[in-house]
Amino acid sequence: MHYTEVDNLIPVILAAQDGDAEAMSQLLDMFSYDFDREAAYGKSYIDPDLRQELQIKFVFSVQRFNVAEYLSQPSTQSSSQLTRT
């Protein structure tokens, strides 16, 4: 499953922040394609060391992500993005 297939990642992120290993594993699985794409950028193969570094940084980022601050911000989708052709 890819993260774009999930309606709301907030409950999964909050569970991961509370120490739920299954939730963190689910997030890592959801973003797996993105880790692979970035770890292979400019190469014809996926660099396993780079993929692991990306996953480690992702775990730290999830832990530091301020959900309340994110939810209090207005939508970032501007009208120019909606009308772009």
PDB file of N, CA and C in Angstrom:
ATOM      1  N   MET A   1       0.841  -1.170   0.000  1.00  0.00           N
ATOM      2  CA  MET A   1       0.000   0.000   0.000  1.00  0.00           C
ATOM      3  C   MET A   1       0.893   1.242   0.000  1.00  0.00           C
ATOM      4  N   HIS A   2       0.515   2.206  -0.802  1.00  0.00           N
ATOM      5  CA  HIS A   2       1.241   3.463  -0.884  1.00  0.00           C
ATOM      6  C   HIS A   2       0.507   4.501  -0.044  1.00  0.00           C
ATOM      7  N   TYR A   3       1.229   5.474   0.461  1.00  0.00           N
ATOM      8  CA  TYR A   3       0.616   6.464   1.340  1.00  0.00           C
ATOM      9  C   TYR A   3      -0.492   7.248   0.663  1.00  0.00           C
ATOM     10  N   THR A   4      -0.482   7.349  -0.661  1.00  0.00           N
ATOM     11  CA  THR A   4      -1.539   8.075  -1.364  1.00  0.00           C
ATOM     12  C   THR A   4      -2.868   7.324  -1.335  1.00  0.00           C
ATOM     13  N   GLU A   5      -2.843   6.057  -0.961  1.00  0.00           N
ATOM     14  CA  GLU A   5      -4.057   5.259  -0.889  1.00  0.00           C
ATOM     15  C   GLU A   5      -4.742   5.365   0.478  1.00  0.00           C
ATOM     16  N   VAL A   6      -4.138   6.097   1.404  1.00  0.00           N
ATOM     17  CA  VAL A   6      -4.675   6.232   2.759  1.00  0.00           C
ATOM     18  C   VAL A   6      -5.308   7.618   2.885  1.00  0.00           C
ATOM     19  N   ASP A   7      -6.528   7.656   3.399  1.00  0.00           N
ATOM     20  CA  ASP A   7      -7.236   8.929   3.535  1.00  0.00           C
ATOM     21  C   ASP A   7      -6.593   9.852   4.562  1.00  0.00           C
ATOM     22  N   ASN A   8      -6.093   9.266   5.661  1.00  0.00           N
ATOM     23  CA  ASN A   8      -5.584  10.092   6.744  1.00  0.00           C
ATOM     24  C   ASN A   8      -4.407   9.386   7.426  1.00  0.00           C
ATOM     25  N   LEU A   9      -3.226   9.960   7.262  1.00  0.00           N
ATOM     26  CA  LEU A   9      -2.029   9.386   7.877  1.00  0.00           C
ATOM     27  C   LEU A   9      -1.860   9.793   9.341  1.00  0.00           C
ATOM     28  N   ILE A  10      -2.620  10.779   9.791  1.00  0.00           N
ATOM     29  CA  ILE A  10      -2.437  11.319  11.138  1.00  0.00           C
ATOM     30  C   ILE A  10      -2.544  10.248  12.218  1.00  0.00           C
ATOM     31  N   PRO A  11      -3.562   9.372  12.212  1.00  0.00           N
ATOM     32  CA  PRO A  11      -3.624   8.349  13.272  1.00  0.00           C
ATOM     33  C   PRO A  11      -2.420   7.408  13.265  1.00  0.00           C
ATOM     34  N   VAL A  12      -1.918   7.094  12.085  1.00  0.00           N
ATOM     35  CA  VAL A  12      -0.759   6.201  11.988  1.00  0.00           C
ATOM     36  C   VAL A  12       0.481   6.912  12.512  1.00  0.00           C
ATOM     37  N   ILE A  13       0.624   8.177  12.176  1.00  0.00           N
ATOM     38  CA  ILE A  13       1.774   8.959  12.652  1.00  0.00           C
ATOM     39  C   ILE A  13       1.725   9.091  14.176  1.00  0.00           C
ATOM     40  N   LEU A  14       0.546   9.402  14.709  1.00  0.00           N
ATOM     41  CA  LEU A  14       0.415   9.547  16.165  1.00  0.00           C
ATOM     42  C   LEU A  14       0.717   8.230  16.883  1.00  0.00           C
ATOM     43  N   ALA A  15       0.264   7.123  16.314  1.00  0.00           N
ATOM     44  CA  ALA A  15       0.554   5.816  16.918  1.00  0.00           C
ATOM     45  C   ALA A  15       2.054   5.545  16.886  1.00  0.00           C
ATOM     46  N   ALA A  16       2.696   5.864  15.771  1.00  0.00           N
ATOM     47  CA  ALA A  16       4.145   5.671  15.657  1.00  0.00           C
ATOM     48  C   ALA A  16       4.884   6.547  16.665  1.00  0.00           C
ATOM     49  N   GLN A  17       4.415   7.771  16.856  1.00  0.00           N
ATOM     50  CA  GLN A  17       5.042   8.667  17.829  1.00  0.00           C
ATOM     51  C   GLN A  17       4.867   8.174  19.260  1.00  0.00           C
ATOM     52  N   ASP A  18       3.804   7.415  19.494  1.00  0.00           N
ATOM     53  CA  ASP A  18       3.558   6.850  20.825  1.00  0.00           C
ATOM     54  C   ASP A  18       4.299   5.542  21.049  1.00  0.00           C
ATOM     55  N   GLY A  19       5.121   5.144  20.077  1.00  0.00           N
ATOM     56  CA  GLY A  19       5.948   3.956  20.257  1.00  0.00           C
ATOM     57  C   GLY A  19       5.380   2.683  19.659  1.00  0.00           C
ATOM     58  N   ASP A  20       4.330   2.786  18.877  1.00  0.00           N
ATOM     59  CA  ASP A  20       3.739   1.613  18.230  1.00  0.00           C
ATOM     60  C   ASP A  20       4.626   1.183  17.063  1.00  0.00           C
ATOM     61  N   ALA A  21       5.362   0.098  17.248  1.00  0.00           N
ATOM     62  CA  ALA A  21       6.300  -0.382  16.223  1.00  0.00           C
ATOM     63  C   ALA A  21       5.569  -0.805  14.953  1.00  0.00           C
ATOM     64  N   GLU A  22       4.366  -1.344  15.102  1.00  0.00           N
ATOM     65  CA  GLU A  22       3.584  -1.758  13.939  1.00  0.00           C
ATOM     66  C   GLU A  22       3.198  -0.549  13.080  1.00  0.00           C
ATOM     67  N   ALA A  23       2.850   0.561  13.710  1.00  0.00           N
ATOM     68  CA  ALA A  23       2.505   1.782  12.981  1.00  0.00           C
ATOM     69  C   ALA A  23       3.722   2.329  12.240  1.00  0.00           C
ATOM     70  N   MET A  24       4.881   2.322  12.891  1.00  0.00           N
ATOM     71  CA  MET A  24       6.097   2.796  12.217  1.00  0.00           C
ATOM     72  C   MET A  24       6.430   1.888  11.041  1.00  0.00           C
ATOM     73  N   SER A  25       6.284   0.593  11.231  1.00  0.00           N
ATOM     74  CA  SER A  25       6.526  -0.356  10.147  1.00  0.00           C
ATOM     75  C   SER A  25       5.566  -0.109   8.993  1.00  0.00           C
ATOM     76  N   GLN A  26       4.323   0.199   9.323  1.00  0.00           N
ATOM     77  CA  GLN A  26       3.330   0.487   8.290  1.00  0.00           C
ATOM     78  C   GLN A  26       3.720   1.741   7.509  1.00  0.00           C
ATOM     79  N   LEU A  27       4.185   2.772   8.209  1.00  0.00           N
ATOM     80  CA  LEU A  27       4.634   3.987   7.524  1.00  0.00           C
ATOM     81  C   LEU A  27       5.829   3.702   6.609  1.00  0.00           C
ATOM     82  N   LEU A  28       6.777   2.927   7.110  1.00  0.00           N
ATOM     83  CA  LEU A  28       7.945   2.588   6.299  1.00  0.00           C
ATOM     84  C   LEU A  28       7.526   1.819   5.051  1.00  0.00           C
ATOM     85  N   ASP A  29       6.560   0.922   5.193  1.00  0.00           N
ATOM     86  CA  ASP A  29       6.061   0.173   4.038  1.00  0.00           C
ATOM     87  C   ASP A  29       5.360   1.096   3.045  1.00  0.00           C
ATOM     88  N   MET A  30       4.577   2.036   3.564  1.00  0.00           N
ATOM     89  CA  MET A  30       3.843   2.957   2.698  1.00  0.00           C
ATOM     90  C   MET A  30       4.776   3.830   1.861  1.00  0.00           C
ATOM     91  N   PHE A  31       5.915   4.187   2.425  1.00  0.00           N
ATOM     92  CA  PHE A  31       6.858   5.060   1.732  1.00  0.00           C
ATOM     93  C   PHE A  31       7.995   4.277   1.062  1.00  0.00           C
ATOM     94  N   SER A  32       7.898   2.980   1.025  1.00  0.00           N
ATOM     95  CA  SER A  32       8.948   2.126   0.477  1.00  0.00           C
ATOM     96  C   SER A  32       9.313   2.487  -0.965  1.00  0.00           C
ATOM     97  N   TYR A  33       8.307   2.706  -1.782  1.00  0.00           N
ATOM     98  CA  TYR A  33       8.552   3.075  -3.180  1.00  0.00           C
ATOM     99  C   TYR A  33       9.373   4.358  -3.267  1.00  0.00           C
ATOM    100  N   ASP A  34       9.052   5.321  -2.417  1.00  0.00           N
ATOM    101  CA  ASP A  34       9.761   6.600  -2.428  1.00  0.00           C
ATOM    102  C   ASP A  34      11.211   6.450  -1.980  1.00  0.00           C
ATOM    103  N   PHE A  35      11.447   5.595  -0.981  1.00  0.00           N
ATOM    104  CA  PHE A  35      12.821   5.329  -0.554  1.00  0.00           C
ATOM    105  C   PHE A  35      13.617   4.711  -1.701  1.00  0.00           C
ATOM    106  N   ASP A  36      13.011   3.741  -2.374  1.00  0.00           N
ATOM    107  CA  ASP A  36      13.688   3.085  -3.497  1.00  0.00           C
ATOM    108  C   ASP A  36      13.979   4.073  -4.618  1.00  0.00           C
ATOM    109  N   ARG A  37      13.004   4.909  -4.944  1.00  0.00           N
ATOM    110  CA  ARG A  37      13.178   5.880  -6.027  1.00  0.00           C
ATOM    111  C   ARG A  37      14.316   6.852  -5.708  1.00  0.00           C
ATOM    112  N   GLU A  38      14.344   7.351  -4.484  1.00  0.00           N
ATOM    113  CA  GLU A  38      15.390   8.298  -4.102  1.00  0.00           C
ATOM    114  C   GLU A  38      16.757   7.622  -3.980  1.00  0.00           C
ATOM    115  N   ALA A  39      16.785   6.380  -3.521  1.00  0.00           N
ATOM    116  CA  ALA A  39      18.059   5.663  -3.365  1.00  0.00           C
ATOM    117  C   ALA A  39      18.640   5.254  -4.706  1.00  0.00           C
ATOM    118  N   ALA A  40      17.842   5.292  -5.756  1.00  0.00           N
ATOM    119  CA  ALA A  40      18.335   4.930  -7.093  1.00  0.00           C
ATOM    120  C   ALA A  40      18.501   6.155  -7.982  1.00  0.00           C
ATOM    121  N   TYR A  41      18.261   7.326  -7.448  1.00  0.00           N
ATOM    122  CA  TYR A  41      18.306   8.542  -8.257  1.00  0.00           C
ATOM    123  C   TYR A  41      19.638   8.655  -9.013  1.00  0.00           C
ATOM    124  N   GLY A  42      19.555   8.690 -10.329  1.00  0.00           N
ATOM    125  CA  GLY A  42      20.745   8.824 -11.157  1.00  0.00           C
ATOM    126  C   GLY A  42      21.518   7.533 -11.338  1.00  0.00           C
ATOM    127  N   LYS A  43      21.012   6.445 -10.809  1.00  0.00           N
ATOM    128  CA  LYS A  43      21.705   5.158 -10.920  1.00  0.00           C
ATOM    129  C   LYS A  43      20.738   4.142 -11.516  1.00  0.00           C
ATOM    130  N   SER A  44      21.275   3.042 -11.966  1.00  0.00           N
ATOM    131  CA  SER A  44      20.424   1.976 -12.504  1.00  0.00           C
ATOM    132  C   SER A  44      20.121   0.924 -11.448  1.00  0.00           C
ATOM    133  N   TYR A  45      20.492   1.189 -10.194  1.00  0.00           N
ATOM    134  CA  TYR A  45      20.248   0.238  -9.111  1.00  0.00           C
ATOM    135  C   TYR A  45      19.916   1.014  -7.836  1.00  0.00           C
ATOM    136  N   ILE A  46      19.309   0.327  -6.894  1.00  0.00           N
ATOM    137  CA  ILE A  46      18.986   0.930  -5.601  1.00  0.00           C
ATOM    138  C   ILE A  46      20.167   0.724  -4.663  1.00  0.00           C
ATOM    139  N   ASP A  47      20.706   1.816  -4.164  1.00  0.00           N
ATOM    140  CA  ASP A  47      21.817   1.760  -3.219  1.00  0.00           C
ATOM    141  C   ASP A  47      21.255   1.395  -1.840  1.00  0.00           C
ATOM    142  N   PRO A  48      21.542   0.185  -1.329  1.00  0.00           N
ATOM    143  CA  PRO A  48      20.951  -0.240  -0.052  1.00  0.00           C
ATOM    144  C   PRO A  48      21.371   0.628   1.133  1.00  0.00           C
ATOM    145  N   ASP A  49      22.597   1.127   1.109  1.00  0.00           N
ATOM    146  CA  ASP A  49      23.054   1.989   2.203  1.00  0.00           C
ATOM    147  C   ASP A  49      22.296   3.311   2.207  1.00  0.00           C
ATOM    148  N   LEU A  50      22.105   3.882   1.023  1.00  0.00           N
ATOM    149  CA  LEU A  50      21.363   5.137   0.922  1.00  0.00           C
ATOM    150  C   LEU A  50      19.904   4.924   1.316  1.00  0.00           C
ATOM    151  N   ARG A  51      19.323   3.801   0.918  1.00  0.00           N
ATOM    152  CA  ARG A  51      17.939   3.490   1.284  1.00  0.00           C
ATOM    153  C   ARG A  51      17.808   3.412   2.807  1.00  0.00           C
ATOM    154  N   GLN A  52      18.757   2.765   3.444  1.00  0.00           N
ATOM    155  CA  GLN A  52      18.723   2.644   4.901  1.00  0.00           C
ATOM    156  C   GLN A  52      18.867   4.014   5.570  1.00  0.00           C
ATOM    157  N   GLU A  53      19.742   4.849   5.046  1.00  0.00           N
ATOM    158  CA  GLU A  53      19.901   6.203   5.600  1.00  0.00           C
ATOM    159  C   GLU A  53      18.602   6.996   5.466  1.00  0.00           C
ATOM    160  N   LEU A  54      17.936   6.860   4.328  1.00  0.00           N
ATOM    161  CA  LEU A  54      16.663   7.543   4.131  1.00  0.00           C
ATOM    162  C   LEU A  54      15.616   7.059   5.132  1.00  0.00           C
ATOM    163  N   GLN A  55      15.588   5.759   5.376  1.00  0.00           N
ATOM    164  CA  GLN A  55      14.632   5.207   6.333  1.00  0.00           C
ATOM    165  C   GLN A  55      14.923   5.697   7.752  1.00  0.00           C
ATOM    166  N   ILE A  56      16.177   5.769   8.117  1.00  0.00           N
ATOM    167  CA  ILE A  56      16.547   6.261   9.449  1.00  0.00           C
ATOM    168  C   ILE A  56      16.121   7.716   9.617  1.00  0.00           C
ATOM    169  N   LYS A  57      16.394   8.537   8.616  1.00  0.00           N
ATOM    170  CA  LYS A  57      15.997   9.946   8.684  1.00  0.00           C
ATOM    171  C   LYS A  57      14.475  10.085   8.723  1.00  0.00           C
ATOM    172  N   PHE A  58      13.781   9.202   8.004  1.00  0.00           N
ATOM    173  CA  PHE A  58      12.332   9.217   8.006  1.00  0.00           C
ATOM    174  C   PHE A  58      11.788   8.925   9.406  1.00  0.00           C
ATOM    175  N   VAL A  59      12.343   7.920  10.071  1.00  0.00           N
ATOM    176  CA  VAL A  59      11.897   7.568  11.427  1.00  0.00           C
ATOM    177  C   VAL A  59      12.107   8.758  12.369  1.00  0.00           C
ATOM    178  N   PHE A  60      13.261   9.398  12.296  1.00  0.00           N
ATOM    179  CA  PHE A  60      13.507  10.570  13.139  1.00  0.00           C
ATOM    180  C   PHE A  60      12.547  11.703  12.793  1.00  0.00           C
ATOM    181  N   SER A  61      12.251  11.881  11.514  1.00  0.00           N
ATOM    182  CA  SER A  61      11.331  12.937  11.087  1.00  0.00           C
ATOM    183  C   SER A  61       9.915  12.686  11.588  1.00  0.00           C
ATOM    184  N   VAL A  62       9.480  11.446  11.533  1.00  0.00           N
ATOM    185  CA  VAL A  62       8.150  11.102  12.049  1.00  0.00           C
ATOM    186  C   VAL A  62       8.083  11.411  13.535  1.00  0.00           C
ATOM    187  N   GLN A  63       9.125  11.076  14.273  1.00  0.00           N
ATOM    188  CA  GLN A  63       9.132  11.325  15.715  1.00  0.00           C
ATOM    189  C   GLN A  63       9.075  12.817  16.041  1.00  0.00           C
ATOM    190  N   ARG A  64       9.675  13.651  15.206  1.00  0.00           N
ATOM    191  CA  ARG A  64       9.729  15.089  15.462  1.00  0.00           C
ATOM    192  C   ARG A  64       8.576  15.861  14.819  1.00  0.00           C
ATOM    193  N   PHE A  65       7.785  15.202  13.991  1.00  0.00           N
ATOM    194  CA  PHE A  65       6.694  15.878  13.288  1.00  0.00           C
ATOM    195  C   PHE A  65       5.647  16.364  14.276  1.00  0.00           C
ATOM    196  N   ASN A  66       5.325  17.649  14.216  1.00  0.00           N
ATOM    197  CA  ASN A  66       4.353  18.250  15.119  1.00  0.00           C
ATOM    198  C   ASN A  66       2.974  18.212  14.453  1.00  0.00           C
ATOM    199  N   VAL A  67       2.193  17.217  14.807  1.00  0.00           N
ATOM    200  CA  VAL A  67       0.880  17.016  14.195  1.00  0.00           C
ATOM    201  C   VAL A  67      -0.048  18.190  14.498  1.00  0.00           C
ATOM    202  N   ALA A  68      -0.057  18.659  15.730  1.00  0.00           N
ATOM    203  CA  ALA A  68      -0.944  19.764  16.116  1.00  0.00           C
ATOM    204  C   ALA A  68      -0.649  21.020  15.299  1.00  0.00           C
ATOM    205  N   GLU A  69       0.620  21.317  15.105  1.00  0.00           N
ATOM    206  CA  GLU A  69       0.997  22.493  14.318  1.00  0.00           C
ATOM    207  C   GLU A  69       0.567  22.322  12.866  1.00  0.00           C
ATOM    208  N   TYR A  70       0.755  21.122  12.338  1.00  0.00           N
ATOM    209  CA  TYR A  70       0.355  20.847  10.959  1.00  0.00           C
ATOM    210  C   TYR A  70      -1.153  21.029  10.788  1.00  0.00           C
ATOM    211  N   LEU A  71      -1.938  20.512  11.727  1.00  0.00           N
ATOM    212  CA  LEU A  71      -3.385  20.596  11.627  1.00  0.00           C
ATOM    213  C   LEU A  71      -3.913  22.016  11.796  1.00  0.00           C
ATOM    214  N   SER A  72      -3.161  22.862  12.497  1.00  0.00           N
ATOM    215  CA  SER A  72      -3.607  24.235  12.724  1.00  0.00           C
ATOM    216  C   SER A  72      -3.316  25.154  11.537  1.00  0.00           C
ATOM    217  N   GLN A  73      -2.516  24.711  10.585  1.00  0.00           N
ATOM    218  CA  GLN A  73      -2.175  25.531   9.427  1.00  0.00           C
ATOM    219  C   GLN A  73      -3.282  25.448   8.382  1.00  0.00           C
ATOM    220  N   PRO A  74      -3.520  26.567   7.676  1.00  0.00           N
ATOM    221  CA  PRO A  74      -4.511  26.526   6.600  1.00  0.00           C
ATOM    222  C   PRO A  74      -4.006  25.654   5.456  1.00  0.00           C
ATOM    223  N   SER A  75      -4.899  25.242   4.612  1.00  0.00           N
ATOM    224  CA  SER A  75      -4.541  24.413   3.474  1.00  0.00           C
ATOM    225  C   SER A  75      -3.475  25.108   2.635  1.00  0.00           C
ATOM    226  N   THR A  76      -2.506  24.356   2.145  1.00  0.00           N
ATOM    227  CA  THR A  76      -1.416  24.924   1.345  1.00  0.00           C
ATOM    228  C   THR A  76      -1.715  24.888  -0.141  1.00  0.00           C
ATOM    229  N   GLN A  77      -2.854  24.340  -0.521  1.00  0.00           N
ATOM    230  CA  GLN A  77      -3.190  24.244  -1.938  1.00  0.00           C
ATOM    231  C   GLN A  77      -3.781  25.573  -2.378  1.00  0.00           C
ATOM    232  N   SER A  78      -3.032  26.309  -3.195  1.00  0.00           N
ATOM    233  CA  SER A  78      -3.489  27.629  -3.624  1.00  0.00           C
ATOM    234  C   SER A  78      -4.312  27.509  -4.895  1.00  0.00           C
ATOM    235  N   SER A  79      -5.001  28.562  -5.220  1.00  0.00           N
ATOM    236  CA  SER A  79      -5.842  28.558  -6.418  1.00  0.00           C
ATOM    237  C   SER A  79      -4.995  28.454  -7.684  1.00  0.00           C
ATOM    238  N   SER A  80      -3.757  28.944  -7.641  1.00  0.00           N
ATOM    239  CA  SER A  80      -2.889  28.836  -8.816  1.00  0.00           C
ATOM    240  C   SER A  80      -2.550  27.391  -9.108  1.00  0.00           C
ATOM    241  N   GLN A  81      -2.438  26.574  -8.080  1.00  0.00           N
ATOM    242  CA  GLN A  81      -2.168  25.147  -8.299  1.00  0.00           C
ATOM    243  C   GLN A  81      -3.395  24.461  -8.856  1.00  0.00           C
ATOM    244  N   LEU A  82      -4.569  24.912  -8.476  1.00  0.00           N
ATOM    245  CA  LEU A  82      -5.800  24.294  -8.937  1.00  0.00           C
ATOM    246  C   LEU A  82      -6.093  24.610 -10.397  1.00  0.00           C
ATOM    247  N   THR A  83      -5.663  25.782 -10.867  1.00  0.00           N
ATOM    248  CA  THR A  83      -5.969  26.196 -12.235  1.00  0.00           C
ATOM    249  C   THR A  83      -4.834  25.938 -13.218  1.00  0.00           C
ATOM    250  N   ARG A  84      -3.748  25.398 -12.760  1.00  0.00           N
ATOM    251  CA  ARG A  84      -2.595  25.145 -13.617  1.00  0.00           C
ATOM    252  C   ARG A  84      -2.966  24.087 -14.662  1.00  0.00           C
ATOM    253  N   THR A  85      -2.588  24.340 -15.918  1.00  0.00           N
ATOM    254  CA  THR A  85      -2.882  23.381 -16.995  1.00  0.00           C
ATOM    255  C   THR A  85      -1.658  22.735 -17.528  1.00  0.00           C
TER     256      THR A  85
END
